Amino acid sequence: MNTSLIAENNPFLEYIRPRGKIVFIGDNLSNEMKIVHDYLSARDESRLPLLLLTPTAIGDTICDQVVTFDSVTTLSQIQSLLNSYFLIFIFNSSDEGTLRALGGISGSIKFSGSIPLFIDVSKNPNPQKRKLFGPNYFNFDFSDENGKWNYLIFIDCVLSSLTPSLNPGVSFPDLMCLFGASKSLYYGISAAKDAESALEASINQIGEKLVTSMPEELESLEAIFISISSSSPLNLHDLNLISKKVAKSFGDEFEIYLNNIVNPQISSFTSLLIITDLNSIDDVFPKSASLNFLNQSANYGDDYISPINERKRDLFDATEEDERFRILGKIFSESEVYIFDDGGLPLFASHRPAGQEVCLYTGLFSAIQSMSSDLIGHTPDHLTAGDKRCVFTSVMGPANTSVRGVAICKAGNENLAKTDLALSMKLVKGLLEKGEPEYSINDKIQALLVQAQQNGTIDSILNTTDFHAS
């Protein structure tokens, strides 16, 4: 039965369809399966179904499903097990019969609306195999320890990207556009003690491949996917530096998709860098009548502000954003409060500056404080501009980082502005001390205050603080 027709007639099946499956093909993949199994056991949020297709009967395995097939088995019977948007095939192309089986499976899923990623763990594969499988072909030599490590890094990046998350990253439709209907793809994988070194190594790997490529293979390249794994979340400043470094290396014309994976169990930084073409959802799934439903119901990852792509929508749509700032304006009726880090990136804003981005606004005050400190030896306590007054405060955040804040008010309201600033700083520092990433603090505090105002519990939040604004 044609599964794509079923989806057209019943769009809800598009919603419940698995985002991804890991499919092992062969009977000599115990090491490869163990690495993935151990990884998934430690990270439940990245759990994907594991399927083993084997030509010989195998006893108990760590996979969720085991299917024994041979040349007699009809591959269309296997197709129902492969119903997923992304299919991550893991195999050793040197094993006898594997290529024949993969050829049949690829033909079986050709019109099923699945995007295959082929991971070959063979030693020194023939370059012709890449032409056989297409651009989404990745090779990791399991006879070498570095190959095993790169295999794990790749699995970590792909599985984490497929998993719903509110952290900065790529959305599920983004992944479809990056890997679906690919015509050309180059990748680099590395690990280092700092993010910059890991990224630099990945850039160099891709650079070496681009130099030896034919011009027609480079014409379609237009997007760069970056995945950085770290033990703690990277802040917006670091993420922007990463994107700038990549843009400087390959050119500003590329659209950049940046994903930060947080894994407290690692002590180093790992980097997966992919440069490829970009295709629309309609090009990837031209026959699906359920894409609107999919985009509306199954998307994730669009619920944050991407530090890289301005095309990402805000946490709230335009109407909701206006309502949010209207309520915040009631709470901070006599002052405007802005709290930011050393680089001027906003951690909290009570208002939306007219004609200004909040990051530019807070960057201005950060520059004022830095210049004042350089010129007269200390940051200002207050500034006067016409009938406006600005009061400042700063506290030490985690890891001895400086968190700064300013409240703007009319003359005569300085004391109220100091109180508003101190209360806001308390909320910001409280989240920082709990390990909340910088990029999510503003939305969390704004949502908390708006909800409290609507529920009539705002007074319980705006209590006394330990910090002093002068």
Protein backbone atom coordinates (compact mmCIF):
# COMPACT_ATOMS: atom_id res chain seq x y z
CA MET A 1 0.00 0.00 0.00
CA ASN A 2 1.30 3.48 -0.86
CA THR A 3 2.03 5.23 2.48
CA SER A 4 2.30 8.64 0.86
CA LEU A 5 -1.30 8.33 -0.35
CA ILE A 6 -2.40 7.38 3.15
CA ALA A 7 -0.76 10.53 4.49
CA GLU A 8 -2.47 12.66 1.86
CA ASN A 9 -5.87 11.30 2.84
CA ASN A 10 -5.18 11.51 6.56
CA PRO A 11 -2.89 14.46 7.44
CA PHE A 12 -2.83 13.45 11.11
CA LEU A 13 -0.52 10.56 10.15
CA GLU A 14 2.05 13.18 9.14
CA TYR A 15 1.97 14.46 12.72
CA ILE A 16 2.49 11.09 14.41
CA ARG A 17 5.02 9.87 11.88
CA PRO A 18 8.44 9.37 13.58
CA ARG A 19 10.93 12.16 13.01
CA GLY A 20 13.74 9.68 12.59
CA LYS A 21 14.82 6.05 12.81
CA ILE A 22 18.26 4.48 13.03
CA VAL A 23 18.54 1.47 10.74
CA PHE A 24 21.50 -0.91 11.01
CA ILE A 25 22.01 -3.14 7.97
CA GLY A 26 24.22 -6.25 8.29
CA ASP A 27 25.24 -8.84 10.84
CA ASN A 28 28.65 -7.45 11.93
CA LEU A 29 27.75 -4.12 13.50
CA SER A 30 27.96 -4.89 17.22
CA ASN A 31 30.43 -2.06 17.95
CA GLU A 32 28.43 0.46 15.95
CA MET A 33 25.20 -0.54 17.68
CA LYS A 34 26.77 -0.41 21.15
CA ILE A 35 28.05 3.13 20.63
CA VAL A 36 24.61 4.36 19.60
CA HIS A 37 22.87 2.37 22.35
CA ASP A 38 25.18 3.74 25.06
CA TYR A 39 24.70 7.26 23.74
CA LEU A 40 20.90 6.96 23.75
CA SER A 41 20.89 5.42 27.23
CA ALA A 42 22.55 8.54 28.63
CA ARG A 43 20.38 10.99 26.70
CA ASP A 44 16.73 9.97 26.82
CA GLU A 45 15.65 13.16 25.08
CA SER A 46 17.50 12.06 21.92
CA ARG A 47 15.89 8.62 21.82
CA LEU A 48 15.09 7.32 18.35
CA PRO A 49 13.85 3.83 17.42
CA LEU A 50 16.62 1.34 16.53
CA LEU A 51 15.99 -1.17 13.74
CA LEU A 52 18.33 -3.98 12.64
CA LEU A 53 17.94 -5.49 9.18
CA THR A 54 20.11 -8.59 9.00
CA PRO A 55 20.51 -11.38 6.41
CA THR A 56 21.10 -13.97 9.12
CA ALA A 57 19.13 -14.84 12.23
CA ILE A 58 20.53 -13.07 15.30
CA GLY A 59 19.59 -13.62 18.92
CA ASP A 60 18.77 -10.87 21.40
CA THR A 61 20.18 -7.48 20.40
CA ILE A 62 20.04 -3.97 21.78
CA CYS A 63 17.80 -2.85 18.91
CA ASP A 64 14.07 -2.29 19.25
CA GLN A 65 13.31 -4.40 16.20
CA VAL A 66 15.22 -7.11 14.35
CA VAL A 67 14.15 -8.19 10.88
CA THR A 68 15.78 -11.09 9.07
CA PHE A 69 15.52 -10.88 5.30
CA ASP A 70 17.07 -12.44 2.21
CA SER A 71 16.64 -12.20 -1.51
CA VAL A 72 13.23 -13.85 -1.23
CA THR A 73 11.88 -11.29 1.22
CA THR A 74 9.85 -8.58 -0.46
CA LEU A 75 11.42 -5.25 0.43
CA SER A 76 8.01 -3.58 0.33
CA GLN A 77 7.20 -5.52 3.49
CA ILE A 78 10.10 -3.76 5.17
CA GLN A 79 8.90 -0.38 3.94
CA SER A 80 6.28 -0.09 6.68
CA LEU A 81 9.06 -0.43 9.27
CA LEU A 82 10.94 2.41 7.60
CA ASN A 83 8.12 4.92 7.91
CA SER A 84 10.00 7.97 9.16
CA TYR A 85 10.97 11.43 7.94
CA PHE A 86 14.69 10.81 8.47
CA LEU A 87 16.25 7.37 8.04
CA ILE A 88 19.80 7.07 9.36
CA PHE A 89 21.26 3.97 7.71
CA ILE A 90 24.39 2.56 9.35
CA PHE A 91 26.25 -0.16 7.45
CA ASN A 92 29.62 -1.51 6.28
CA SER A 93 29.71 -1.31 2.52
CA SER A 94 32.52 -3.87 2.43
CA ASP A 95 30.23 -6.63 3.77
CA GLU A 96 28.95 -8.93 1.10
CA GLY A 97 25.36 -8.29 0.13
CA THR A 98 25.03 -4.96 1.95
CA LEU A 99 25.12 -2.80 -1.16
CA ARG A 100 22.55 -4.98 -2.90
CA ALA A 101 20.22 -4.75 0.11
CA LEU A 102 20.68 -0.98 0.36
CA GLY A 103 19.94 -0.59 -3.33
CA GLY A 104 16.64 -2.38 -2.90
CA ILE A 105 15.76 -0.43 0.24
CA SER A 106 16.61 2.90 -1.39
CA GLY A 107 14.33 2.07 -4.28
CA SER A 108 11.59 1.02 -1.87
CA ILE A 109 11.61 4.33 0.03
CA LYS A 110 12.18 6.56 -3.00
CA PHE A 111 8.60 7.86 -3.01
CA SER A 112 7.80 7.41 0.67
CA GLY A 113 8.77 10.93 1.71
CA SER A 114 11.80 9.80 3.75
CA ILE A 115 15.19 11.54 3.78
CA PRO A 116 18.03 8.99 4.03
CA LEU A 117 21.42 9.64 5.64
CA PHE A 118 23.97 6.95 4.78
CA ILE A 119 26.70 6.23 7.36
CA ASP A 120 29.33 3.84 6.02
CA VAL A 121 31.76 2.40 8.60
CA SER A 122 33.98 0.60 6.08
CA LYS A 123 37.72 1.12 5.77
CA ASN A 124 38.93 3.24 2.86
CA PRO A 125 35.68 3.20 0.86
CA ASN A 126 35.74 3.54 -2.90
CA PRO A 127 35.02 7.18 -3.89
CA GLN A 128 32.49 5.82 -6.35
CA LYS A 129 30.28 4.84 -3.43
CA ARG A 130 29.53 8.49 -2.74
CA LYS A 131 28.18 8.75 -6.28
CA LEU A 132 26.12 5.64 -5.62
CA PHE A 133 24.49 6.93 -2.42
CA GLY A 134 24.38 10.64 -3.21
CA PRO A 135 25.49 13.70 -1.21
CA ASN A 136 24.08 12.46 2.12
CA TYR A 137 26.88 9.89 2.41
CA PHE A 138 29.22 9.92 5.41
CA ASN A 139 32.15 7.60 6.03
CA PHE A 140 33.76 6.76 9.38
CA ASP A 141 36.56 4.20 9.39
CA PHE A 142 35.91 1.95 12.38
CA SER A 143 39.38 0.42 12.11
CA ASP A 144 40.67 3.75 13.46
CA GLU A 145 39.81 5.19 16.91
CA ASN A 146 39.46 8.66 15.43
CA GLY A 147 36.87 7.27 13.03
CA LYS A 148 34.84 5.90 15.94
CA TRP A 149 35.02 9.25 17.72
CA ASN A 150 33.87 11.13 14.60
CA TYR A 151 31.05 8.62 14.23
CA LEU A 152 29.84 9.42 17.76
CA ILE A 153 30.12 13.17 17.17
CA PHE A 154 28.04 12.87 14.01
CA ILE A 155 25.40 10.74 15.76
CA ASP A 156 25.26 13.23 18.64
CA CYS A 157 24.78 16.20 16.30
CA VAL A 158 22.15 14.59 14.08
CA LEU A 159 20.09 12.99 16.84
CA SER A 160 20.13 16.13 18.99
CA SER A 161 19.01 18.20 15.99
CA LEU A 162 16.09 15.85 15.40
CA THR A 163 14.97 16.16 19.02
CA PRO A 164 12.51 18.90 20.05
CA SER A 165 14.31 21.63 21.96
CA LEU A 166 13.90 25.24 22.99
CA ASN A 167 17.63 25.85 22.81
CA PRO A 168 19.09 27.80 19.90
CA GLY A 169 19.27 25.44 17.00
CA VAL A 170 17.64 24.45 13.74
CA SER A 171 13.98 23.58 13.38
CA PHE A 172 12.75 20.30 11.98
CA PRO A 173 11.68 21.86 8.65
CA ASP A 174 15.18 23.43 8.47
CA LEU A 175 16.70 19.95 8.59
CA MET A 176 14.41 18.84 5.79
CA CYS A 177 15.51 21.77 3.64
CA LEU A 178 19.19 21.12 4.40
CA PHE A 179 19.30 17.36 3.80
CA GLY A 180 16.29 16.75 1.57
CA ALA A 181 16.92 16.67 -2.20
CA SER A 182 20.58 17.53 -1.62
CA LYS A 183 22.70 17.97 -4.72
CA SER A 184 26.05 18.70 -3.09
CA LEU A 185 27.33 18.34 0.48
CA TYR A 186 30.70 18.63 2.26
CA TYR A 187 31.37 18.03 5.95
CA GLY A 188 34.05 18.41 8.59
CA ILE A 189 34.13 16.93 12.10
CA SER A 190 36.52 17.71 14.93
CA ALA A 191 37.00 17.98 18.70
CA ALA A 192 39.16 20.33 20.76
CA LYS A 193 39.50 21.90 24.20
CA ASP A 194 37.85 25.11 23.02
CA ALA A 195 35.07 25.86 20.55
CA GLU A 196 37.21 28.05 18.32
CA SER A 197 39.84 25.34 17.74
CA ALA A 198 37.19 22.69 17.06
CA LEU A 199 35.46 24.97 14.57
CA GLU A 200 38.74 25.90 12.88
CA ALA A 201 39.61 22.24 12.32
CA SER A 202 36.19 21.54 10.77
CA ILE A 203 36.56 24.58 8.49
CA ASN A 204 39.98 23.38 7.31
CA GLN A 205 38.62 19.90 6.55
CA ILE A 206 35.89 21.33 4.34
CA GLY A 207 38.33 23.74 2.73
CA GLU A 208 40.55 20.87 1.62
CA LYS A 209 37.55 19.14 0.01
CA LEU A 210 36.33 22.27 -1.75
CA VAL A 211 39.72 22.88 -3.34
CA THR A 212 39.59 19.51 -5.13
CA SER A 213 35.94 19.76 -6.18
CA MET A 214 34.62 20.53 -9.64
CA PRO A 215 33.16 24.02 -10.19
CA GLU A 216 29.71 22.63 -11.03
CA GLU A 217 29.66 20.89 -7.61
CA LEU A 218 30.17 24.21 -5.85
CA GLU A 219 27.56 26.24 -7.69
CA SER A 220 24.61 24.94 -5.67
CA LEU A 221 26.21 25.48 -2.22
CA GLU A 222 24.22 28.07 -0.29
CA ALA A 223 23.75 26.95 3.33
CA ILE A 224 26.01 26.06 6.27
CA PHE A 225 24.90 23.87 9.14
CA ILE A 226 27.01 24.17 12.30
CA SER A 227 26.55 21.97 15.35
CA ILE A 228 28.68 22.67 18.42
CA SER A 229 28.57 20.38 21.47
CA SER A 230 29.65 21.79 24.83
CA SER A 231 29.33 20.92 28.50
CA SER A 232 27.37 24.12 29.16
CA PRO A 233 25.31 26.37 26.86
CA LEU A 234 27.19 28.86 24.70
CA ASN A 235 26.01 32.42 25.17
CA LEU A 236 24.78 34.65 22.36
CA HIS A 237 28.13 36.40 22.15
CA ASP A 238 29.95 33.12 21.49
CA LEU A 239 27.33 31.96 19.01
CA ASN A 240 27.62 35.20 17.06
CA LEU A 241 31.42 34.91 17.00
CA ILE A 242 31.09 31.39 15.60
CA SER A 243 28.74 32.51 12.84
CA LYS A 244 31.02 35.42 11.94
CA LYS A 245 34.05 33.15 11.73
CA VAL A 246 32.22 30.76 9.41
CA ALA A 247 30.90 33.62 7.28
CA LYS A 248 34.40 35.07 7.02
CA SER A 249 35.77 31.68 5.93
CA PHE A 250 33.16 30.84 3.28
CA GLY A 251 31.45 34.13 2.46
CA ASP A 252 28.53 36.23 3.67
CA GLU A 253 26.19 34.90 0.99
CA PHE A 254 25.66 31.61 2.85
CA GLU A 255 22.67 31.15 5.12
CA ILE A 256 23.87 29.86 8.47
CA TYR A 257 22.06 27.35 10.69
CA LEU A 258 23.65 27.02 14.11
CA ASN A 259 22.87 24.36 16.70
CA ASN A 260 24.35 24.22 20.22
CA ILE A 261 24.14 20.82 21.91
CA VAL A 262 24.61 20.78 25.69
CA ASN A 263 26.15 17.59 27.08
CA PRO A 264 27.42 17.94 30.67
CA GLN A 265 29.26 14.62 30.35
CA ILE A 266 31.86 15.95 27.90
CA SER A 267 34.86 18.10 28.82
CA SER A 268 35.79 19.17 25.28
CA PHE A 269 34.05 20.91 22.40
CA THR A 270 32.98 19.03 19.30
CA SER A 271 32.08 20.51 15.94
CA LEU A 272 30.16 19.23 12.93
CA LEU A 273 30.20 21.61 9.97
CA ILE A 274 28.22 20.89 6.80
CA ILE A 275 28.05 23.08 3.72
CA THR A 276 25.30 22.14 1.28
CA ASP A 277 22.49 23.40 -0.92
CA LEU A 278 19.08 24.48 0.33
CA ASN A 279 15.76 23.22 -0.94
CA SER A 280 12.22 24.25 -0.11
CA ILE A 281 9.84 21.89 1.68
CA ASP A 282 7.79 21.69 -1.52
CA ASP A 283 10.87 20.53 -3.43
CA VAL A 284 11.67 17.90 -0.79
CA PHE A 285 8.10 16.57 -0.55
CA PRO A 286 6.44 17.65 -3.81
CA LYS A 287 3.56 15.16 -3.55
CA SER A 288 2.56 15.67 0.06
CA ALA A 289 -0.74 17.44 0.64
CA SER A 290 -0.13 17.52 4.39
CA LEU A 291 2.82 19.89 4.59
CA ASN A 292 0.81 22.79 5.94
CA PHE A 293 -0.46 20.58 8.73
CA LEU A 294 3.08 19.36 9.37
CA ASN A 295 4.50 22.87 9.53
CA GLN A 296 1.73 24.09 11.81
CA SER A 297 1.53 21.10 14.15
CA ALA A 298 4.84 19.27 14.19
CA ASN A 299 7.37 22.09 14.09
CA TYR A 300 9.67 22.75 16.98
CA GLY A 301 12.63 24.98 17.33
CA ASP A 302 10.81 28.09 16.08
CA ASP A 303 9.94 28.97 19.68
CA TYR A 304 13.15 30.89 20.31
CA ILE A 305 14.97 33.83 18.79
CA SER A 306 17.79 32.51 16.65
CA PRO A 307 21.01 34.47 17.20
CA ILE A 308 21.99 33.86 13.59
CA ASN A 309 19.02 33.90 11.23
CA GLU A 310 16.82 36.98 11.52
CA ARG A 311 14.10 35.13 9.65
CA LYS A 312 13.24 33.20 12.87
CA ARG A 313 10.07 34.51 14.39
CA ASP A 314 9.92 35.76 17.95
CA LEU A 315 8.70 33.72 20.92
CA PHE A 316 5.44 35.64 20.52
CA ASP A 317 3.81 36.71 17.27
CA ALA A 318 3.38 40.42 16.58
CA THR A 319 0.02 40.76 18.31
CA GLU A 320 1.10 38.77 21.36
CA GLU A 321 4.33 40.77 21.55
CA ASP A 322 2.44 44.07 21.60
CA GLU A 323 0.20 42.75 24.38
CA ARG A 324 3.20 41.50 26.33
CA PHE A 325 4.93 44.89 26.29
CA ARG A 326 1.64 46.64 27.11
CA ILE A 327 1.39 44.56 30.31
CA LEU A 328 5.07 45.07 31.13
CA GLY A 329 4.51 48.80 30.68
CA LYS A 330 1.89 48.63 33.46
CA ILE A 331 4.29 46.85 35.81
CA PHE A 332 7.14 49.27 35.06
CA SER A 333 4.93 52.32 34.77
CA GLU A 334 7.50 54.94 35.77
CA SER A 335 10.75 53.43 34.46
CA GLU A 336 12.34 51.47 31.66
CA VAL A 337 14.65 48.71 32.86
CA TYR A 338 17.39 47.05 30.80
CA ILE A 339 19.80 44.43 32.11
CA PHE A 340 22.67 43.14 30.00
CA ASP A 341 25.95 41.24 30.14
CA ASP A 342 29.49 42.55 29.59
CA GLY A 343 29.06 42.52 25.84
CA GLY A 344 25.82 44.51 25.89
CA LEU A 345 23.61 41.53 25.06
CA PRO A 346 20.19 41.91 26.74
CA LEU A 347 19.27 39.65 29.63
CA PHE A 348 16.05 41.51 30.37
CA ALA A 349 14.13 44.41 28.88
CA SER A 350 10.94 45.89 30.33
CA HIS A 351 10.22 47.97 27.25
CA ARG A 352 10.81 47.94 23.51
CA PRO A 353 12.87 51.03 22.63
CA ALA A 354 11.20 53.03 19.88
CA GLY A 355 13.08 52.53 16.63
CA GLN A 356 15.85 50.57 18.32
CA GLU A 357 16.74 46.92 18.78
CA VAL A 358 17.10 46.09 22.48
CA CYS A 359 20.58 44.68 21.88
CA LEU A 360 21.69 48.00 20.35
CA TYR A 361 20.12 49.91 23.21
CA THR A 362 21.80 47.87 25.92
CA GLY A 363 25.04 47.87 23.94
CA LEU A 364 24.97 51.66 24.10
CA PHE A 365 24.71 51.67 27.90
CA SER A 366 27.42 49.02 28.12
CA ALA A 367 29.69 51.26 26.06
CA ILE A 368 28.86 54.26 28.28
CA GLN A 369 29.77 52.34 31.42
CA SER A 370 32.99 50.99 29.91
CA MET A 371 34.06 54.39 28.64
CA SER A 372 33.27 55.99 31.99
CA SER A 373 35.31 53.37 33.80
CA ASP A 374 38.25 53.92 31.44
CA LEU A 375 38.12 57.71 31.74
CA ILE A 376 37.34 58.32 35.41
CA GLY A 377 38.03 54.97 37.05
CA HIS A 378 34.48 53.87 37.90
CA THR A 379 31.12 53.29 36.26
CA PRO A 380 28.48 56.01 36.61
CA ASP A 381 25.89 55.95 39.39
CA HIS A 382 23.50 58.03 37.32
CA LEU A 383 23.28 60.18 34.22
CA THR A 384 21.09 63.19 33.42
CA ALA A 385 19.75 63.96 29.94
CA GLY A 386 17.17 66.77 29.89
CA ASP A 387 14.25 65.63 32.05
CA LYS A 388 15.40 62.00 31.92
CA ARG A 389 17.44 60.25 34.59
CA CYS A 390 19.38 56.98 34.24
CA VAL A 391 20.34 54.99 37.34
CA PHE A 392 22.82 52.12 37.08
CA THR A 393 23.72 48.99 38.99
CA SER A 394 26.02 46.04 38.46
CA VAL A 395 26.49 42.70 40.22
CA MET A 396 28.80 39.73 39.84
CA GLY A 397 27.21 36.80 38.06
CA PRO A 398 28.39 33.17 37.79
CA ALA A 399 32.09 32.62 37.03
CA ASN A 400 32.87 36.22 38.05
CA THR A 401 31.03 37.69 35.08
CA SER A 402 29.62 41.19 35.36
CA VAL A 403 25.88 41.77 34.96
CA ARG A 404 24.87 45.38 34.45
CA GLY A 405 21.58 47.22 34.47
CA VAL A 406 20.09 50.63 33.84
CA ALA A 407 16.69 52.13 34.62
CA ILE A 408 15.48 55.23 32.75
CA CYS A 409 12.92 57.51 34.36
CA LYS A 410 11.72 61.09 34.56
CA ALA A 411 13.25 63.44 37.09
CA GLY A 412 11.70 62.85 40.52
CA ASN A 413 11.15 59.11 40.01
CA GLU A 414 14.73 58.01 40.73
CA ASN A 415 13.87 56.04 43.87
CA LEU A 416 11.13 54.07 42.10
CA ALA A 417 13.51 53.40 39.20
CA LYS A 418 16.15 52.08 41.62
CA THR A 419 13.61 49.70 43.12
CA ASP A 420 12.46 48.45 39.70
CA LEU A 421 16.07 47.92 38.64
CA ALA A 422 17.00 46.08 41.83
CA LEU A 423 13.99 43.77 41.60
CA SER A 424 14.68 42.97 37.96
CA MET A 425 18.33 42.30 38.70
CA LYS A 426 17.31 39.86 41.42
CA LEU A 427 15.26 37.84 38.93
CA VAL A 428 18.06 37.85 36.36
CA LYS A 429 20.74 36.81 38.81
CA GLY A 430 18.51 34.12 40.28
CA LEU A 431 18.11 32.46 36.88
CA LEU A 432 21.82 32.79 36.10
CA GLU A 433 22.73 31.09 39.37
CA LYS A 434 20.38 28.22 38.49
CA GLY A 435 22.30 27.71 35.25
CA GLU A 436 19.70 29.18 32.91
CA PRO A 437 21.26 30.03 29.50
CA GLU A 438 21.59 33.75 28.84
CA TYR A 439 19.57 33.58 25.63
CA SER A 440 16.42 32.34 27.42
CA ILE A 441 16.43 34.61 30.48
CA ASN A 442 14.65 37.58 28.90
CA ASP A 443 11.71 35.56 27.63
CA LYS A 444 11.38 33.62 30.88
CA ILE A 445 11.27 36.73 33.06
CA GLN A 446 8.94 38.61 30.74
CA ALA A 447 6.55 35.65 30.61
CA LEU A 448 6.73 35.26 34.41
CA LEU A 449 5.90 38.91 35.04
CA VAL A 450 3.10 39.02 32.47
CA GLN A 451 1.48 35.89 33.89
CA ALA A 452 1.80 37.20 37.45
CA GLN A 453 0.20 40.48 36.46
CA GLN A 454 -2.69 38.68 34.81
CA ASN A 455 -3.13 36.33 37.79
CA GLY A 456 -2.90 39.11 40.37
CA THR A 457 0.22 37.61 41.99
CA ILE A 458 2.70 40.27 40.86
CA ASP A 459 3.27 41.52 44.43
CA SER A 460 4.56 38.12 45.52
CA ILE A 461 7.26 38.29 42.84
CA LEU A 462 8.24 41.91 43.30
CA ASN A 463 9.57 41.50 46.82
CA THR A 464 12.63 42.95 48.50
CA THR A 465 16.02 42.34 46.98
CA ASP A 466 19.55 41.95 48.21
CA PHE A 467 20.97 44.24 45.53
CA HIS A 468 21.39 47.98 45.66
CA ALA A 469 20.90 50.34 42.75
CA SER A 470 22.33 53.81 43.12
